[in-house]
């Protein structure tokens, strides 16, 4: 019991030392406070940004391989682009490429073809520039989107070249703000289509457009609008032909994605004259983004730790000054039987108390700042237990390290010399 009381007395003496110099202690606490809350705020903001980017990539499907047709750069068009009807530029994936990839990639579970074009949609005396996504019936399943009303394109629609259309929710709200769009007619560049369904917003990285999109059977698109996309701008006419804008290959599991992507790249290099395509593997992007965000975390913690380091230097200076001021007190305590470890403990308690107070206040402000950022700026912030405890533990460690030298110096004072100190 005696040892317990002795330890308690040492702690009380340490706390008393902090309270005696209130202004000095408060200024020291501020340095730790700024360091802790800045670490918490940076980690929370980075965690929110990481989560949003990860979710955007996961919308692509971690078991998907996405192949996009890529328009050749202007300086390469003449040499790499194929020339077709009326000098039209022909590039990108073809139906033959699709058949070849579907037949030669092992572990392929599903696949869907997409063709994109920009057109003008007219309905209810409203005209809106939209992205027309021509595709197949399995599109919602592959891209993991939901039908919120009506139905999606069917195999019958494909076989019969039906002029049926599915609107994104955003486009439906613009064209039919007060009416049910199902069964209504939407004209695409003057050609009428009947609305048969409404789809939840599409993954932007897959749609490649805004959320004002309309989906139609790819067979209807080719039969009704033809093979060539003709655009008029400033008195000039440009004509392009892209059979397949995008091919999404869905593997049976994540394990086969990288192998499937390698086979797809090899096949395309072998059978295509130019590299007018791009193979994207969401699984690779997710891993790259995770490593990038991890690097940012290290950078943020390092930058914010400078504040803790400065605060630690301040604590060391204050503790050294305190040792000088309390030399006689230390001598009296040693003369009354206090051991060196008692003196070390007393001064370490003072330094750790300062950092603990600063760390606690820093956590409180660190919780407030991400909340303000999310409410005022609309950025997602995520605060986890590790986000709070890591800076606090760092602050306590800084307190221990910063107080160790002054505490050791105080403990090494000769009691006789210390008693003579004025």
Protein backbone atom coordinates (compact mmCIF):
# COMPACT_ATOMS: atom_id res chain seq x y z
CA UNK A 1 0.00 0.00 0.00
CA UNK A 2 2.89 2.33 0.80
CA UNK A 3 4.23 1.95 -2.76
CA UNK A 4 0.81 2.76 -4.18
CA UNK A 5 0.50 5.92 -2.14
CA UNK A 6 4.03 6.89 -3.11
CA UNK A 7 3.25 6.43 -6.79
CA UNK A 8 0.07 8.44 -6.32
CA UNK A 9 2.00 11.26 -4.65
CA UNK A 10 4.44 11.37 -7.57
CA UNK A 11 1.58 11.65 -10.06
CA UNK A 12 -0.08 14.40 -8.02
CA UNK A 13 3.18 16.30 -7.91
CA UNK A 14 3.45 16.01 -11.69
CA UNK A 15 -0.07 17.32 -12.19
CA UNK A 16 0.59 20.13 -9.72
CA UNK A 17 3.60 21.16 -11.80
CA UNK A 18 1.37 21.52 -14.84
CA UNK A 19 -1.26 23.59 -13.02
CA UNK A 20 1.23 25.99 -11.45
CA UNK A 21 2.26 27.41 -14.84
CA UNK A 22 -1.16 27.71 -16.52
CA UNK A 23 -0.23 30.07 -19.38
CA UNK A 24 2.94 28.19 -20.22
CA UNK A 25 1.08 24.87 -20.12
CA UNK A 26 -1.78 26.24 -22.27
CA UNK A 27 0.60 27.42 -24.99
CA UNK A 28 2.30 24.03 -24.99
CA UNK A 29 -1.05 22.26 -25.22
CA UNK A 30 -1.99 24.38 -28.25
CA UNK A 31 0.94 23.03 -30.26
CA UNK A 32 -0.13 19.44 -29.59
CA UNK A 33 -3.79 20.31 -30.18
CA UNK A 34 -3.11 21.68 -33.67
CA UNK A 35 -1.01 18.68 -34.56
CA UNK A 36 -3.65 16.15 -33.44
CA UNK A 37 -6.66 17.76 -35.07
CA UNK A 38 -4.81 18.37 -38.34
CA UNK A 39 -3.83 14.68 -38.52
CA UNK A 40 -7.43 13.61 -37.80
CA UNK A 41 -8.90 16.06 -40.34
CA UNK A 42 -6.48 15.06 -43.11
CA UNK A 43 -7.02 11.34 -42.51
CA UNK A 44 -10.81 11.76 -42.43
CA UNK A 45 -10.93 13.77 -45.66
CA UNK A 46 -8.57 11.37 -47.41
CA UNK A 47 -10.59 8.36 -46.19
CA UNK A 48 -13.77 9.91 -47.62
CA UNK A 49 -12.13 10.61 -50.97
CA UNK A 50 -10.69 7.09 -51.02
CA UNK A 51 -14.10 5.56 -50.28
CA UNK A 52 -15.84 7.51 -53.04
CA UNK A 53 -13.20 6.63 -55.65
CA UNK A 54 -13.23 2.98 -54.59
CA UNK A 55 -17.03 2.84 -54.88
CA UNK A 56 -16.91 4.46 -58.32
CA UNK A 57 -14.43 1.83 -59.46
CA UNK A 58 -16.39 -1.02 -57.87
CA UNK A 59 -19.42 0.09 -59.87
CA UNK A 60 -17.45 -1.08 -62.88
CA UNK A 61 -17.41 -4.57 -61.38
CA UNK A 62 -14.26 -6.07 -59.90
CA UNK A 63 -14.73 -9.16 -62.10
CA UNK A 64 -15.21 -7.16 -65.30
CA UNK A 65 -12.86 -6.41 -68.17
CA UNK A 66 -13.85 -3.25 -70.06
CA UNK A 67 -12.64 -2.68 -73.62
CA UNK A 68 -13.35 0.73 -75.15
CA UNK A 69 -12.90 1.88 -78.72
CA UNK A 70 -10.52 4.83 -78.84
CA UNK A 71 -10.55 7.47 -81.56
CA UNK A 72 -7.07 7.90 -83.09
CA UNK A 73 -5.39 11.28 -82.42
CA UNK A 74 -5.77 13.85 -85.19
CA UNK A 75 -2.21 13.41 -86.45
CA UNK A 76 -2.69 9.63 -86.67
CA UNK A 77 -6.10 9.53 -88.30
CA UNK A 78 -4.85 9.48 -91.88
CA UNK A 79 -2.27 6.75 -91.28
CA UNK A 80 -4.04 4.56 -88.69
CA UNK A 81 -7.74 5.14 -89.25
CA UNK A 82 -9.50 3.06 -91.85
CA UNK A 83 -11.32 5.00 -94.51
CA UNK A 84 -14.86 4.05 -95.48
CA UNK A 85 -17.94 5.40 -97.23
CA UNK A 86 -17.56 9.08 -98.25
CA UNK A 87 -14.17 9.22 -96.51
CA UNK A 88 -15.64 8.32 -93.11
CA UNK A 89 -13.16 7.47 -90.37
CA UNK A 90 -13.57 3.86 -89.27
CA UNK A 91 -11.98 2.80 -86.00
CA UNK A 92 -12.53 0.79 -82.85
CA UNK A 93 -13.81 -2.66 -82.07
CA UNK A 94 -15.77 -4.65 -84.63
CA UNK A 95 -18.31 -7.44 -84.37
CA UNK A 96 -15.57 -9.86 -85.44
CA UNK A 97 -13.43 -8.72 -82.50
CA UNK A 98 -16.35 -9.33 -80.16
CA UNK A 99 -16.96 -12.84 -81.47
CA UNK A 100 -13.25 -13.65 -81.26
CA UNK A 101 -12.95 -12.43 -77.67
CA UNK A 102 -16.11 -14.19 -76.53
CA UNK A 103 -14.90 -17.48 -78.02
CA UNK A 104 -11.32 -17.46 -76.74
CA UNK A 105 -11.36 -16.12 -73.17
CA UNK A 106 -11.68 -18.95 -70.61
CA UNK A 107 -13.85 -18.41 -67.53
CA UNK A 108 -16.05 -15.85 -69.30
CA UNK A 109 -19.43 -15.71 -67.53
CA UNK A 110 -21.20 -12.99 -69.48
CA UNK A 111 -20.53 -10.12 -71.86
CA UNK A 112 -22.39 -7.16 -73.28
CA UNK A 113 -21.86 -4.90 -76.30
CA UNK A 114 -22.44 -1.15 -76.15
CA UNK A 115 -22.63 1.44 -78.92
CA UNK A 116 -22.78 5.13 -77.99
CA UNK A 117 -23.90 8.16 -79.96
CA UNK A 118 -25.01 11.70 -79.22
CA UNK A 119 -28.52 12.66 -80.36
CA UNK A 120 -31.33 15.07 -79.55
CA UNK A 121 -34.30 13.74 -77.60
CA UNK A 122 -37.65 15.51 -77.99
CA UNK A 123 -40.74 14.98 -75.84
CA UNK A 124 -43.37 17.20 -74.22
CA UNK A 125 -42.07 20.19 -76.22
CA UNK A 126 -38.68 19.71 -74.58
CA UNK A 127 -35.43 19.16 -76.48
CA UNK A 128 -32.42 17.70 -74.67
CA UNK A 129 -29.06 16.53 -75.95
CA UNK A 130 -28.67 12.95 -74.76
CA UNK A 131 -26.32 10.01 -74.94
CA UNK A 132 -27.89 7.11 -76.80
CA UNK A 133 -26.61 3.80 -75.44
CA UNK A 134 -27.43 0.95 -77.78
CA UNK A 135 -26.98 -2.36 -76.04
CA UNK A 136 -28.22 -5.87 -75.30
CA UNK A 137 -30.79 -7.29 -72.82
CA UNK A 138 -28.19 -8.37 -70.25
CA UNK A 139 -26.77 -4.85 -69.79
CA UNK A 140 -28.36 -4.20 -66.34
CA UNK A 141 -27.03 -7.48 -64.99
CA UNK A 142 -23.47 -6.90 -66.17
CA UNK A 143 -23.19 -3.27 -65.04
CA UNK A 144 -25.19 -3.91 -61.86
CA UNK A 145 -27.86 -1.28 -62.25
CA UNK A 146 -31.55 -1.50 -61.34
CA UNK A 147 -34.79 -1.07 -63.27
CA UNK A 148 -36.93 1.26 -61.17
CA UNK A 149 -40.03 1.17 -63.39
CA UNK A 150 -41.27 -0.85 -66.36
CA UNK A 151 -38.81 -3.27 -67.94
CA UNK A 152 -35.54 -3.39 -69.86
CA UNK A 153 -34.86 -4.30 -73.48
CA UNK A 154 -35.80 -7.92 -74.21
CA UNK A 155 -34.58 -10.53 -76.69
CA UNK A 156 -37.87 -10.05 -78.57
CA UNK A 157 -37.09 -6.32 -78.91
CA UNK A 158 -33.72 -7.23 -80.39
CA UNK A 159 -35.12 -9.76 -82.86
CA UNK A 160 -37.98 -7.54 -84.00
CA UNK A 161 -35.95 -4.28 -84.11
CA UNK A 162 -38.50 -2.70 -81.79
CA UNK A 163 -38.35 1.11 -81.32
CA UNK A 164 -38.35 0.74 -77.54
CA UNK A 165 -36.36 2.89 -75.15
CA UNK A 166 -35.33 2.87 -71.51
CA UNK A 167 -34.62 6.25 -69.88
CA UNK A 168 -32.29 7.01 -67.02
CA UNK A 169 -34.11 8.49 -64.04
CA UNK A 170 -32.41 11.84 -64.58
CA UNK A 171 -33.58 12.09 -68.20
CA UNK A 172 -37.09 10.94 -67.30
CA UNK A 173 -37.36 13.72 -64.72
CA UNK A 174 -36.30 16.29 -67.32
CA UNK A 175 -38.57 15.14 -70.16
CA UNK A 176 -41.60 14.15 -68.06
CA UNK A 177 -41.42 16.13 -64.80
CA UNK A 178 -45.15 15.81 -64.04
CA UNK A 179 -46.16 12.65 -65.90
CA UNK A 180 -45.44 8.94 -65.90
CA UNK A 181 -43.02 8.40 -68.81
CA UNK A 182 -43.96 4.75 -69.38
CA UNK A 183 -45.78 4.36 -72.68
CA UNK A 184 -44.91 7.89 -73.79
CA UNK A 185 -43.06 8.67 -77.02
CA UNK A 186 -39.57 10.17 -77.23
CA UNK A 187 -38.17 11.24 -80.60
CA UNK A 188 -34.45 10.67 -81.23
CA UNK A 189 -33.36 12.97 -84.03
CA UNK A 190 -36.97 12.79 -85.20
CA UNK A 191 -37.41 8.99 -84.98
CA UNK A 192 -40.08 7.97 -82.43
CA UNK A 193 -39.33 5.51 -79.60
CA UNK A 194 -41.75 4.22 -76.96
CA UNK A 195 -40.57 4.39 -73.34
CA UNK A 196 -40.78 0.93 -71.77
CA UNK A 197 -38.71 1.40 -68.64
CA UNK A 198 -36.73 3.61 -66.27
CA UNK A 199 -33.26 2.67 -65.08
CA UNK A 200 -31.40 3.91 -62.04
CA UNK A 201 -28.42 6.14 -62.80
CA UNK A 202 -25.66 4.42 -64.73
CA UNK A 203 -22.06 4.18 -63.57
CA UNK A 204 -20.55 7.29 -65.16
CA UNK A 205 -17.33 5.47 -65.96
CA UNK A 206 -19.31 2.91 -67.97
CA UNK A 207 -21.81 5.26 -69.58
CA UNK A 208 -19.04 7.64 -70.52
CA UNK A 209 -21.60 10.42 -70.40
CA UNK A 210 -23.84 12.41 -68.13
CA UNK A 211 -26.91 10.82 -66.59
CA UNK A 212 -29.14 12.11 -69.42
CA UNK A 213 -29.01 8.83 -71.30
CA UNK A 214 -31.45 6.71 -73.24
CA UNK A 215 -30.94 2.99 -73.89
CA UNK A 216 -32.25 1.24 -77.00
CA UNK A 217 -31.73 -2.20 -78.63
CA UNK A 218 -28.47 -2.27 -80.56
CA UNK A 219 -30.25 -4.04 -83.44
CA UNK A 220 -32.77 -1.19 -83.68
CA UNK A 221 -29.96 1.36 -83.60
CA UNK A 222 -28.20 -0.23 -86.58
CA UNK A 223 -31.41 -0.74 -88.55
CA UNK A 224 -32.80 2.73 -87.91
CA UNK A 225 -29.75 5.00 -87.76
CA UNK A 226 -27.35 3.03 -89.94
CA UNK A 227 -23.66 2.36 -89.52
CA UNK A 228 -22.31 5.90 -89.79
CA UNK A 229 -22.46 8.70 -87.27
CA UNK A 230 -22.60 12.00 -89.18
CA UNK A 231 -22.08 15.31 -87.38
CA UNK A 232 -22.53 18.85 -88.71
CA UNK A 233 -20.50 21.65 -87.16
CA UNK A 234 -19.62 25.12 -88.48
CA UNK A 235 -20.41 24.24 -92.07
CA UNK A 236 -18.35 21.02 -92.05
CA UNK A 237 -19.48 17.42 -92.04
CA UNK A 238 -17.67 14.64 -90.20
CA UNK A 239 -18.55 11.01 -90.62
CA UNK A 240 -17.41 8.16 -88.40
CA UNK A 241 -18.13 4.48 -88.08
CA UNK A 242 -17.66 2.58 -84.84
CA UNK A 243 -19.34 -0.82 -84.73
CA UNK A 244 -18.76 -1.37 -81.00
CA UNK A 245 -18.02 1.49 -78.62
CA UNK A 246 -17.55 -0.72 -75.61
CA UNK A 247 -17.36 -4.40 -74.77
CA UNK A 248 -17.75 -5.50 -71.14
CA UNK A 249 -16.48 -8.99 -70.38
CA UNK A 250 -17.68 -10.41 -67.06
CA UNK A 251 -15.54 -13.19 -65.63
CA UNK A 252 -16.89 -15.96 -63.40
CA UNK A 253 -14.72 -14.72 -60.50
CA UNK A 254 -12.01 -12.18 -59.66
CA UNK A 255 -9.25 -14.77 -59.97
CA UNK A 256 -9.63 -15.03 -63.74
CA UNK A 257 -9.74 -11.29 -64.45
CA UNK A 258 -6.04 -10.61 -64.92
CA UNK A 259 -5.52 -13.72 -67.06
CA UNK A 260 -8.59 -12.86 -69.15
CA UNK A 261 -7.35 -9.27 -69.63
CA UNK A 262 -3.95 -10.54 -70.78
CA UNK A 263 -5.59 -12.87 -73.33
CA UNK A 264 -7.83 -10.04 -74.57
CA UNK A 265 -4.84 -7.73 -75.07
CA UNK A 266 -2.91 -10.41 -76.93
CA UNK A 267 -5.85 -11.19 -79.23
CA UNK A 268 -6.44 -7.53 -80.05
CA UNK A 269 -2.74 -6.89 -80.73
CA UNK A 270 -2.65 -9.92 -82.99
CA UNK A 271 -5.71 -9.19 -85.11
CA UNK A 272 -5.95 -5.40 -85.11
CA UNK A 273 -3.85 -3.14 -87.32
CA UNK A 274 -3.88 -0.18 -84.94
CA UNK A 275 -4.28 0.22 -81.21
CA UNK A 276 -7.60 2.05 -81.39
CA UNK A 277 -8.84 0.41 -78.21
CA UNK A 278 -8.20 0.50 -74.49
CA UNK A 279 -8.43 -2.44 -72.07
CA UNK A 280 -9.42 -1.43 -68.53
CA UNK A 281 -9.36 -3.80 -65.59
CA UNK A 282 -11.27 -2.34 -62.58
CA UNK A 283 -9.53 -4.80 -60.25
CA UNK A 284 -6.15 -3.29 -61.21
CA UNK A 285 -7.51 0.24 -60.86
CA UNK A 286 -8.94 -0.53 -57.42
CA UNK A 287 -5.58 -1.83 -56.22
CA UNK A 288 -3.74 1.15 -57.73
CA UNK A 289 -6.16 3.58 -56.10
CA UNK A 290 -5.82 1.80 -52.75
CA UNK A 291 -2.02 2.12 -52.88
CA UNK A 292 -2.28 5.75 -53.97
CA UNK A 293 -4.59 6.62 -51.08
CA UNK A 294 -2.31 4.75 -48.68
CA UNK A 295 0.60 6.88 -49.91
CA UNK A 296 -1.48 10.03 -49.40
CA UNK A 297 -2.24 8.87 -45.85
CA UNK A 298 1.47 8.54 -45.12
CA UNK A 299 2.11 11.98 -46.61
CA UNK A 300 -0.72 13.62 -44.65
CA UNK A 301 0.37 12.04 -41.39
CA UNK A 302 3.99 13.09 -42.04
CA UNK A 303 3.03 16.68 -42.82
CA UNK A 304 0.69 17.00 -39.85
CA UNK A 305 3.25 15.31 -37.58
CA UNK A 306 5.47 18.36 -38.03
CA UNK A 307 3.05 20.21 -35.74
CA UNK A 308 3.41 17.46 -33.15
CA UNK A 309 7.19 17.64 -33.50
CA UNK A 310 7.14 21.39 -32.96
CA UNK A 311 4.89 20.87 -29.96
CA UNK A 312 7.31 18.25 -28.64
CA UNK A 313 10.23 20.68 -28.95
CA UNK A 314 8.16 23.23 -27.05
CA UNK A 315 7.50 20.71 -24.30
CA UNK A 316 11.21 19.90 -24.03
CA UNK A 317 12.13 23.59 -23.76
CA UNK A 318 9.49 24.19 -21.10
CA UNK A 319 10.52 21.12 -19.12
CA UNK A 320 14.19 22.15 -19.27
CA UNK A 321 13.23 25.61 -18.00
CA UNK A 322 11.15 23.98 -15.30
CA UNK A 323 14.10 21.84 -14.20
CA UNK A 324 16.23 24.97 -13.84
CA UNK A 325 13.52 26.83 -11.90
CA UNK A 326 12.86 23.89 -9.57
CA UNK A 327 16.44 22.84 -8.92
CA UNK A 328 16.12 23.59 -5.17
CA UNK A 329 12.80 21.69 -5.00
CA UNK A 330 14.45 18.69 -6.63
CA UNK A 331 17.32 18.88 -4.12
CA UNK A 332 14.87 18.92 -1.18
CA UNK A 333 12.99 15.92 -2.54
CA UNK A 334 16.23 13.99 -3.04
CA UNK A 335 17.36 14.91 0.48
CA UNK A 336 14.06 13.59 1.86
CA UNK A 337 14.62 10.21 0.22
CA UNK A 338 13.19 10.52 -3.32
CA UNK A 339 15.01 8.31 -5.76
CA UNK A 340 16.10 9.21 -9.26
CA UNK A 341 13.28 7.20 -10.81
CA UNK A 342 10.80 9.22 -8.69
CA UNK A 343 12.12 12.47 -10.15
CA UNK A 344 12.06 11.01 -13.68
CA UNK A 345 8.48 9.84 -13.18
CA UNK A 346 7.35 13.23 -11.87
CA UNK A 347 8.66 15.12 -14.90
CA UNK A 348 7.44 12.50 -17.36
CA UNK A 349 3.96 12.74 -15.82
CA UNK A 350 4.03 16.50 -16.43
CA UNK A 351 5.04 16.17 -20.10
CA UNK A 352 2.61 13.33 -20.80
CA UNK A 353 -0.20 15.25 -19.06
CA UNK A 354 0.39 18.22 -21.36
CA UNK A 355 0.29 16.06 -24.48
CA UNK A 356 -2.72 14.06 -23.22
CA UNK A 357 -4.70 17.26 -22.65
CA UNK A 358 -3.66 18.56 -26.07
CA UNK A 359 -4.50 15.20 -27.65
CA UNK A 360 -7.95 15.06 -26.04
CA UNK A 361 -8.83 18.59 -27.14
CA UNK A 362 -7.37 17.80 -30.58
CA UNK A 363 -9.70 14.80 -30.91
CA UNK A 364 -12.70 17.00 -30.08
CA UNK A 365 -11.76 19.59 -32.70
CA UNK A 366 -10.68 16.82 -35.08
CA UNK A 367 -14.23 15.44 -34.95
CA UNK A 368 -15.71 18.87 -35.57
CA UNK A 369 -13.58 19.87 -38.59
CA UNK A 370 -14.52 16.88 -40.84
CA UNK A 371 -18.19 17.43 -39.96
CA UNK A 372 -17.94 21.10 -41.00
CA UNK A 373 -16.10 20.16 -44.22
CA UNK A 374 -18.81 17.63 -45.10
CA UNK A 375 -21.70 20.00 -44.32
CA UNK A 376 -20.23 23.17 -45.85
CA UNK A 377 -18.28 21.81 -48.84
CA UNK A 378 -20.12 18.55 -49.52
CA UNK A 379 -16.98 16.39 -49.31
CA UNK A 380 -17.45 12.96 -47.78
CA UNK A 381 -15.34 12.49 -44.65
CA UNK A 382 -14.91 9.26 -42.70
CA UNK A 383 -13.66 9.18 -39.10
CA UNK A 384 -12.66 5.75 -37.84
CA UNK A 385 -11.38 4.72 -34.37
CA UNK A 386 -7.87 4.42 -35.78
CA UNK A 387 -8.17 7.96 -37.17
CA UNK A 388 -8.72 9.19 -33.60
CA UNK A 389 -6.39 6.95 -31.62
CA UNK A 390 -3.36 7.14 -33.94
CA UNK A 391 -2.80 10.92 -33.50
CA UNK A 392 -3.52 10.65 -29.75
CA UNK A 393 -0.97 7.86 -29.30
CA UNK A 394 1.52 9.86 -31.39
CA UNK A 395 0.97 12.85 -29.08
CA UNK A 396 1.56 10.77 -25.96
CA UNK A 397 4.73 9.28 -27.46
CA UNK A 398 5.91 12.79 -28.31
CA UNK A 399 5.26 13.75 -24.68
CA UNK A 400 7.29 10.81 -23.39
CA UNK A 401 10.21 11.40 -25.74
CA UNK A 402 10.22 15.17 -25.19
CA UNK A 403 10.07 14.83 -21.43
CA UNK A 404 12.65 12.07 -21.15
CA UNK A 405 15.76 14.26 -21.50
CA UNK A 406 14.63 16.99 -19.05
CA UNK A 407 13.45 14.29 -16.60
CA UNK A 408 16.77 12.45 -16.81
CA UNK A 409 18.67 15.71 -16.38
CA UNK A 410 16.61 16.55 -13.30
CA UNK A 411 17.22 13.11 -11.80
CA UNK A 412 20.98 13.41 -12.25
CA UNK A 413 21.25 16.65 -10.24
CA UNK A 414 23.48 16.35 -7.19
CA UNK A 415 21.23 16.88 -4.13
CA UNK A 416 23.88 18.95 -2.29
CA UNK A 417 24.44 21.24 -5.30
CA UNK A 418 20.69 21.48 -5.87
CA UNK A 419 20.07 22.58 -2.25
CA UNK A 420 22.57 25.42 -2.67
CA UNK A 421 20.75 26.68 -5.79
CA UNK A 422 18.93 30.01 -5.37
